[in-house]
């Protein structure tokens, strides 16, 4: 395989690598945005910054265990 062709392949792979890295950074930023928006809407569940009423789950629904079927 000619050296020129190999260099072209290497350059193309370098561009692809850069695109993949940029996409991964973009996905990371989107993930951070989703988490920030969730906290903005509902508050921090550990701090209860929105002063949500706390209630035991079994007072709201029947809590059972086992296999869930269709």
PDB file of N, CA and C in Angstrom:
ATOM      1  N   UNK A   1       0.849  -1.165   0.000  1.00  0.00           N
ATOM      2  CA  UNK A   1       0.000   0.000   0.000  1.00  0.00           C
ATOM      3  C   UNK A   1       0.903   1.238   0.000  1.00  0.00           C
ATOM      4  N   UNK A   2       0.662   2.192  -0.889  1.00  0.00           N
ATOM      5  CA  UNK A   2       1.515   3.386  -0.978  1.00  0.00           C
ATOM      6  C   UNK A   2       1.455   4.221   0.308  1.00  0.00           C
ATOM      7  N   UNK A   3       2.567   4.865   0.607  1.00  0.00           N
ATOM      8  CA  UNK A   3       2.679   5.689   1.813  1.00  0.00           C
ATOM      9  C   UNK A   3       1.679   6.847   1.776  1.00  0.00           C
ATOM     10  N   UNK A   4       1.480   7.449   0.617  1.00  0.00           N
ATOM     11  CA  UNK A   4       0.523   8.558   0.504  1.00  0.00           C
ATOM     12  C   UNK A   4      -0.878   8.112   0.923  1.00  0.00           C
ATOM     13  N   UNK A   5      -1.261   6.942   0.473  1.00  0.00           N
ATOM     14  CA  UNK A   5      -2.579   6.406   0.801  1.00  0.00           C
ATOM     15  C   UNK A   5      -2.695   6.128   2.304  1.00  0.00           C
ATOM     16  N   UNK A   6      -1.622   5.584   2.888  1.00  0.00           N
ATOM     17  CA  UNK A   6      -1.602   5.309   4.326  1.00  0.00           C
ATOM     18  C   UNK A   6      -1.716   6.610   5.127  1.00  0.00           C
ATOM     19  N   UNK A   7      -1.029   7.653   4.674  1.00  0.00           N
ATOM     20  CA  UNK A   7      -1.101   8.946   5.362  1.00  0.00           C
ATOM     21  C   UNK A   7      -2.511   9.537   5.276  1.00  0.00           C
ATOM     22  N   UNK A   8      -3.159   9.331   4.140  1.00  0.00           N
ATOM     23  CA  UNK A   8      -4.534   9.797   3.969  1.00  0.00           C
ATOM     24  C   UNK A   8      -5.472   9.067   4.944  1.00  0.00           C
ATOM     25  N   UNK A   9      -5.260   7.774   5.088  1.00  0.00           N
ATOM     26  CA  UNK A   9      -6.063   6.977   6.020  1.00  0.00           C
ATOM     27  C   UNK A   9      -5.843   7.458   7.455  1.00  0.00           C
ATOM     28  N   UNK A  10      -4.580   7.694   7.809  1.00  0.00           N
ATOM     29  CA  UNK A  10      -4.258   8.171   9.157  1.00  0.00           C
ATOM     30  C   UNK A  10      -4.922   9.521   9.414  1.00  0.00           C
ATOM     31  N   UNK A  11      -4.890  10.420   8.447  1.00  0.00           N
ATOM     32  CA  UNK A  11      -5.511  11.738   8.594  1.00  0.00           C
ATOM     33  C   UNK A  11      -7.025  11.599   8.764  1.00  0.00           C
ATOM     34  N   UNK A  12      -7.640  10.724   7.991  1.00  0.00           N
ATOM     35  CA  UNK A  12      -9.081  10.495   8.096  1.00  0.00           C
ATOM     36  C   UNK A  12      -9.441   9.924   9.458  1.00  0.00           C
ATOM     37  N   UNK A  13      -8.671   8.956   9.932  1.00  0.00           N
ATOM     38  CA  UNK A  13      -8.928   8.369  11.244  1.00  0.00           C
ATOM     39  C   UNK A  13      -8.751   9.403  12.354  1.00  0.00           C
ATOM     40  N   UNK A  14      -7.780  10.309  12.193  1.00  0.00           N
ATOM     41  CA  UNK A  14      -7.584  11.383  13.164  1.00  0.00           C
ATOM     42  C   UNK A  14      -8.795  12.304  13.233  1.00  0.00           C
ATOM     43  N   UNK A  15      -9.357  12.620  12.069  1.00  0.00           N
ATOM     44  CA  UNK A  15     -10.565  13.461  12.035  1.00  0.00           C
ATOM     45  C   UNK A  15     -11.742  12.746  12.693  1.00  0.00           C
ATOM     46  N   UNK A  16     -11.877  11.462  12.422  1.00  0.00           N
ATOM     47  CA  UNK A  16     -12.958  10.673  13.019  1.00  0.00           C
ATOM     48  C   UNK A  16     -12.804  10.629  14.534  1.00  0.00           C
ATOM     49  N   UNK A  17     -11.574  10.434  15.003  1.00  0.00           N
ATOM     50  CA  UNK A  17     -11.310  10.419  16.437  1.00  0.00           C
ATOM     51  C   UNK A  17     -11.707  11.736  17.087  1.00  0.00           C
ATOM     52  N   UNK A  18     -11.395  12.839  16.422  1.00  0.00           N
ATOM     53  CA  UNK A  18     -11.741  14.169  16.947  1.00  0.00           C
ATOM     54  C   UNK A  18     -13.249  14.356  16.993  1.00  0.00           C
ATOM     55  N   UNK A  19     -13.951  13.882  15.987  1.00  0.00           N
ATOM     56  CA  UNK A  19     -15.412  13.983  15.951  1.00  0.00           C
ATOM     57  C   UNK A  19     -16.031  13.155  17.076  1.00  0.00           C
ATOM     58  N   UNK A  20     -15.537  11.956  17.289  1.00  0.00           N
ATOM     59  CA  UNK A  20     -16.053  11.089  18.356  1.00  0.00           C
ATOM     60  C   UNK A  20     -15.813  11.743  19.721  1.00  0.00           C
ATOM     61  N   UNK A  21     -14.626  12.296  19.932  1.00  0.00           N
ATOM     62  CA  UNK A  21     -14.317  12.956  21.198  1.00  0.00           C
ATOM     63  C   UNK A  21     -15.228  14.165  21.422  1.00  0.00           C
ATOM     64  N   UNK A  22     -15.478  14.940  20.373  1.00  0.00           N
ATOM     65  CA  UNK A  22     -16.364  16.097  20.484  1.00  0.00           C
ATOM     66  C   UNK A  22     -17.782  15.648  20.820  1.00  0.00           C
ATOM     67  N   UNK A  23     -18.236  14.573  20.218  1.00  0.00           N
ATOM     68  CA  UNK A  23     -19.578  14.058  20.485  1.00  0.00           C
ATOM     69  C   UNK A  23     -19.684  13.572  21.925  1.00  0.00           C
ATOM     70  N   UNK A  24     -18.630  12.925  22.442  1.00  0.00           N
ATOM     71  CA  UNK A  24     -18.640  12.462  23.826  1.00  0.00           C
ATOM     72  C   UNK A  24     -18.709  13.648  24.789  1.00  0.00           C
ATOM     73  N   UNK A  25     -17.979  14.712  24.487  1.00  0.00           N
ATOM     74  CA  UNK A  25     -18.045  15.921  25.320  1.00  0.00           C
ATOM     75  C   UNK A  25     -19.448  16.526  25.277  1.00  0.00           C
ATOM     76  N   UNK A  26     -20.051  16.535  24.098  1.00  0.00           N
ATOM     77  CA  UNK A  26     -21.402  17.065  23.943  1.00  0.00           C
ATOM     78  C   UNK A  26     -22.406  16.251  24.762  1.00  0.00           C
ATOM     79  N   UNK A  27     -22.301  14.939  24.708  1.00  0.00           N
ATOM     80  CA  UNK A  27     -23.206  14.081  25.473  1.00  0.00           C
ATOM     81  C   UNK A  27     -23.024  14.286  26.976  1.00  0.00           C
ATOM     82  N   UNK A  28     -21.774  14.479  27.419  1.00  0.00           N
ATOM     83  CA  UNK A  28     -21.505  14.728  28.833  1.00  0.00           C
ATOM     84  C   UNK A  28     -22.163  16.033  29.273  1.00  0.00           C
ATOM     85  N   UNK A  29     -22.037  17.076  28.446  1.00  0.00           N
ATOM     86  CA  UNK A  29     -22.655  18.369  28.763  1.00  0.00           C
ATOM     87  C   UNK A  29     -24.180  18.258  28.793  1.00  0.00           C
ATOM     88  N   UNK A  30     -24.760  17.502  27.870  1.00  0.00           N
ATOM     89  CA  UNK A  30     -26.204  17.301  27.863  1.00  0.00           C
ATOM     90  C   UNK A  30     -26.667  16.556  29.110  1.00  0.00           C
ATOM     91  N   UNK A  31     -25.888  15.581  29.547  1.00  0.00           N
ATOM     92  CA  UNK A  31     -26.204  14.843  30.763  1.00  0.00           C
ATOM     93  C   UNK A  31     -26.189  15.785  31.970  1.00  0.00           C
ATOM     94  N   UNK A  32     -25.190  16.654  32.043  1.00  0.00           N
ATOM     95  CA  UNK A  32     -25.106  17.631  33.125  1.00  0.00           C
ATOM     96  C   UNK A  32     -26.302  18.587  33.084  1.00  0.00           C
ATOM     97  N   UNK A  33     -26.704  18.979  31.890  1.00  0.00           N
ATOM     98  CA  UNK A  33     -27.843  19.880  31.738  1.00  0.00           C
ATOM     99  C   UNK A  33     -29.135  19.229  32.231  1.00  0.00           C
ATOM    100  N   UNK A  34     -29.344  17.973  31.869  1.00  0.00           N
ATOM    101  CA  UNK A  34     -30.549  17.260  32.296  1.00  0.00           C
ATOM    102  C   UNK A  34     -30.594  17.179  33.821  1.00  0.00           C
ATOM    103  N   UNK A  35     -29.474  16.849  34.439  1.00  0.00           N
ATOM    104  CA  UNK A  35     -29.431  16.751  35.904  1.00  0.00           C
ATOM    105  C   UNK A  35     -29.700  18.113  36.546  1.00  0.00           C
ATOM    106  N   UNK A  36     -29.124  19.163  35.990  1.00  0.00           N
ATOM    107  CA  UNK A  36     -29.328  20.505  36.533  1.00  0.00           C
ATOM    108  C   UNK A  36     -30.788  20.931  36.394  1.00  0.00           C
ATOM    109  N   UNK A  37     -31.389  20.658  35.263  1.00  0.00           N
ATOM    110  CA  UNK A  37     -32.793  21.024  35.049  1.00  0.00           C
ATOM    111  C   UNK A  37     -33.707  20.238  35.996  1.00  0.00           C
ATOM    112  N   UNK A  38     -33.397  18.972  36.231  1.00  0.00           N
ATOM    113  CA  UNK A  38     -34.189  18.159  37.145  1.00  0.00           C
ATOM    114  C   UNK A  38     -34.165  18.761  38.542  1.00  0.00           C
ATOM    115  N   UNK A  39     -32.983  19.109  39.017  1.00  0.00           N
ATOM    116  CA  UNK A  39     -32.863  19.708  40.348  1.00  0.00           C
ATOM    117  C   UNK A  39     -33.553  21.063  40.386  1.00  0.00           C
ATOM    118  N   UNK A  40     -33.451  21.812  39.294  1.00  0.00           N
ATOM    119  CA  UNK A  40     -34.123  23.102  39.233  1.00  0.00           C
ATOM    120  C   UNK A  40     -35.649  22.930  39.355  1.00  0.00           C
ATOM    121  N   UNK A  41     -36.187  21.915  38.715  1.00  0.00           N
ATOM    122  CA  UNK A  41     -37.632  21.686  38.737  1.00  0.00           C
ATOM    123  C   UNK A  41     -38.120  21.059  40.045  1.00  0.00           C
ATOM    124  N   UNK A  42     -37.393  20.048  40.536  1.00  0.00           N
ATOM    125  CA  UNK A  42     -37.882  19.269  41.667  1.00  0.00           C
ATOM    126  C   UNK A  42     -37.088  19.452  42.949  1.00  0.00           C
ATOM    127  N   UNK A  43     -35.969  20.140  42.892  1.00  0.00           N
ATOM    128  CA  UNK A  43     -35.141  20.336  44.064  1.00  0.00           C
ATOM    129  C   UNK A  43     -34.250  19.140  44.338  1.00  0.00           C
ATOM    130  N   UNK A  44     -33.395  19.294  45.322  1.00  0.00           N
ATOM    131  CA  UNK A  44     -32.485  18.223  45.739  1.00  0.00           C
ATOM    132  C   UNK A  44     -33.256  17.284  46.658  1.00  0.00           C
ATOM    133  N   UNK A  45     -33.328  16.002  46.302  1.00  0.00           N
ATOM    134  CA  UNK A  45     -34.147  15.071  47.080  1.00  0.00           C
ATOM    135  C   UNK A  45     -33.581  14.823  48.475  1.00  0.00           C
ATOM    136  N   UNK A  46     -32.290  15.012  48.668  1.00  0.00           N
ATOM    137  CA  UNK A  46     -31.709  14.797  49.989  1.00  0.00           C
ATOM    138  C   UNK A  46     -31.905  16.021  50.885  1.00  0.00           C
ATOM    139  N   UNK A  47     -31.866  17.202  50.309  1.00  0.00           N
ATOM    140  CA  UNK A  47     -32.042  18.429  51.078  1.00  0.00           C
ATOM    141  C   UNK A  47     -33.511  18.853  51.171  1.00  0.00           C
ATOM    142  N   UNK A  48     -34.345  18.326  50.274  1.00  0.00           N
ATOM    143  CA  UNK A  48     -35.763  18.687  50.171  1.00  0.00           C
ATOM    144  C   UNK A  48     -35.902  20.206  50.095  1.00  0.00           C
ATOM    145  N   UNK A  49     -35.151  20.804  49.194  1.00  0.00           N
ATOM    146  CA  UNK A  49     -35.113  22.257  49.058  1.00  0.00           C
ATOM    147  C   UNK A  49     -36.441  22.857  48.593  1.00  0.00           C
ATOM    148  N   UNK A  50     -37.308  22.058  48.039  1.00  0.00           N
ATOM    149  CA  UNK A  50     -38.624  22.537  47.605  1.00  0.00           C
ATOM    150  C   UNK A  50     -39.700  22.281  48.668  1.00  0.00           C
ATOM    151  N   UNK A  51     -39.280  21.762  49.815  1.00  0.00           N
ATOM    152  CA  UNK A  51     -40.170  21.484  50.948  1.00  0.00           C
ATOM    153  C   UNK A  51     -41.329  20.561  50.559  1.00  0.00           C
ATOM    154  N   UNK A  52     -41.013  19.515  49.787  1.00  0.00           N
ATOM    155  CA  UNK A  52     -42.021  18.530  49.424  1.00  0.00           C
ATOM    156  C   UNK A  52     -42.486  17.795  50.670  1.00  0.00           C
ATOM    157  N   UNK A  53     -43.761  17.460  50.726  1.00  0.00           N
ATOM    158  CA  UNK A  53     -44.319  16.701  51.832  1.00  0.00           C
ATOM    159  C   UNK A  53     -43.748  15.284  51.792  1.00  0.00           C
ATOM    160  N   UNK A  54     -43.319  14.781  52.938  1.00  0.00           N
ATOM    161  CA  UNK A  54     -42.787  13.422  53.025  1.00  0.00           C
ATOM    162  C   UNK A  54     -43.868  12.501  53.555  1.00  0.00           C
ATOM    163  N   UNK A  55     -43.949  11.318  52.939  1.00  0.00           N
ATOM    164  CA  UNK A  55     -44.955  10.344  53.342  1.00  0.00           C
ATOM    165  C   UNK A  55     -44.421   8.957  53.027  1.00  0.00           C
ATOM    166  N   UNK A  56     -44.745   8.004  53.862  1.00  0.00           N
ATOM    167  CA  UNK A  56     -44.296   6.629  53.645  1.00  0.00           C
ATOM    168  C   UNK A  56     -44.959   6.068  52.387  1.00  0.00           C
ATOM    169  N   UNK A  57     -44.209   5.318  51.612  1.00  0.00           N
ATOM    170  CA  UNK A  57     -44.719   4.756  50.366  1.00  0.00           C
ATOM    171  C   UNK A  57     -45.911   3.830  50.616  1.00  0.00           C
ATOM    172  N   UNK A  58     -45.842   3.047  51.684  1.00  0.00           N
ATOM    173  CA  UNK A  58     -46.943   2.102  51.930  1.00  0.00           C
ATOM    174  C   UNK A  58     -48.253   2.799  52.306  1.00  0.00           C
ATOM    175  N   UNK A  59     -48.212   4.082  52.610  1.00  0.00           N
ATOM    176  CA  UNK A  59     -49.455   4.807  52.868  1.00  0.00           C
ATOM    177  C   UNK A  59     -50.080   5.308  51.566  1.00  0.00           C
ATOM    178  N   UNK A  60     -49.333   5.236  50.481  1.00  0.00           N
ATOM    179  CA  UNK A  60     -49.816   5.702  49.179  1.00  0.00           C
ATOM    180  C   UNK A  60     -50.185   4.567  48.233  1.00  0.00           C
ATOM    181  N   UNK A  61     -49.560   3.398  48.443  1.00  0.00           N
ATOM    182  CA  UNK A  61     -49.782   2.279  47.523  1.00  0.00           C
ATOM    183  C   UNK A  61     -49.507   0.978  48.255  1.00  0.00           C
ATOM    184  N   UNK A  62     -49.972  -0.109  47.676  1.00  0.00           N
ATOM    185  CA  UNK A  62     -49.678  -1.432  48.226  1.00  0.00           C
ATOM    186  C   UNK A  62     -48.270  -1.823  47.779  1.00  0.00           C
ATOM    187  N   UNK A  63     -47.419  -2.087  48.738  1.00  0.00           N
ATOM    188  CA  UNK A  63     -46.049  -2.489  48.446  1.00  0.00           C
ATOM    189  C   UNK A  63     -45.987  -4.002  48.536  1.00  0.00           C
ATOM    190  N   UNK A  64     -45.684  -4.653  47.411  1.00  0.00           N
ATOM    191  CA  UNK A  64     -45.597  -6.109  47.376  1.00  0.00           C
ATOM    192  C   UNK A  64     -44.302  -6.492  46.690  1.00  0.00           C
ATOM    193  N   UNK A  65     -43.935  -7.733  46.820  1.00  0.00           N
ATOM    194  CA  UNK A  65     -42.724  -8.201  46.145  1.00  0.00           C
ATOM    195  C   UNK A  65     -43.078  -9.391  45.265  1.00  0.00           C
ATOM    196  N   UNK A  66     -42.154  -9.760  44.451  1.00  0.00           N
ATOM    197  CA  UNK A  66     -42.375 -10.893  43.566  1.00  0.00           C
ATOM    198  C   UNK A  66     -42.116 -10.517  42.125  1.00  0.00           C
ATOM    199  N   UNK A  67     -42.535 -11.349  41.231  1.00  0.00           N
ATOM    200  CA  UNK A  67     -42.308 -11.136  39.798  1.00  0.00           C
ATOM    201  C   UNK A  67     -43.462 -10.322  39.226  1.00  0.00           C
ATOM    202  N   UNK A  68     -43.126  -9.277  38.498  1.00  0.00           N
ATOM    203  CA  UNK A  68     -44.139  -8.467  37.847  1.00  0.00           C
ATOM    204  C   UNK A  68     -44.440  -9.076  36.476  1.00  0.00           C
ATOM    205  N   UNK A  69     -45.701  -9.326  36.214  1.00  0.00           N
ATOM    206  CA  UNK A  69     -46.088  -9.932  34.943  1.00  0.00           C
ATOM    207  C   UNK A  69     -46.961  -8.963  34.163  1.00  0.00           C
ATOM    208  N   UNK A  70     -47.045  -9.155  32.861  1.00  0.00           N
ATOM    209  CA  UNK A  70     -47.866  -8.304  32.018  1.00  0.00           C
ATOM    210  C   UNK A  70     -49.331  -8.426  32.390  1.00  0.00           C
TER     211      UNK A  70
END
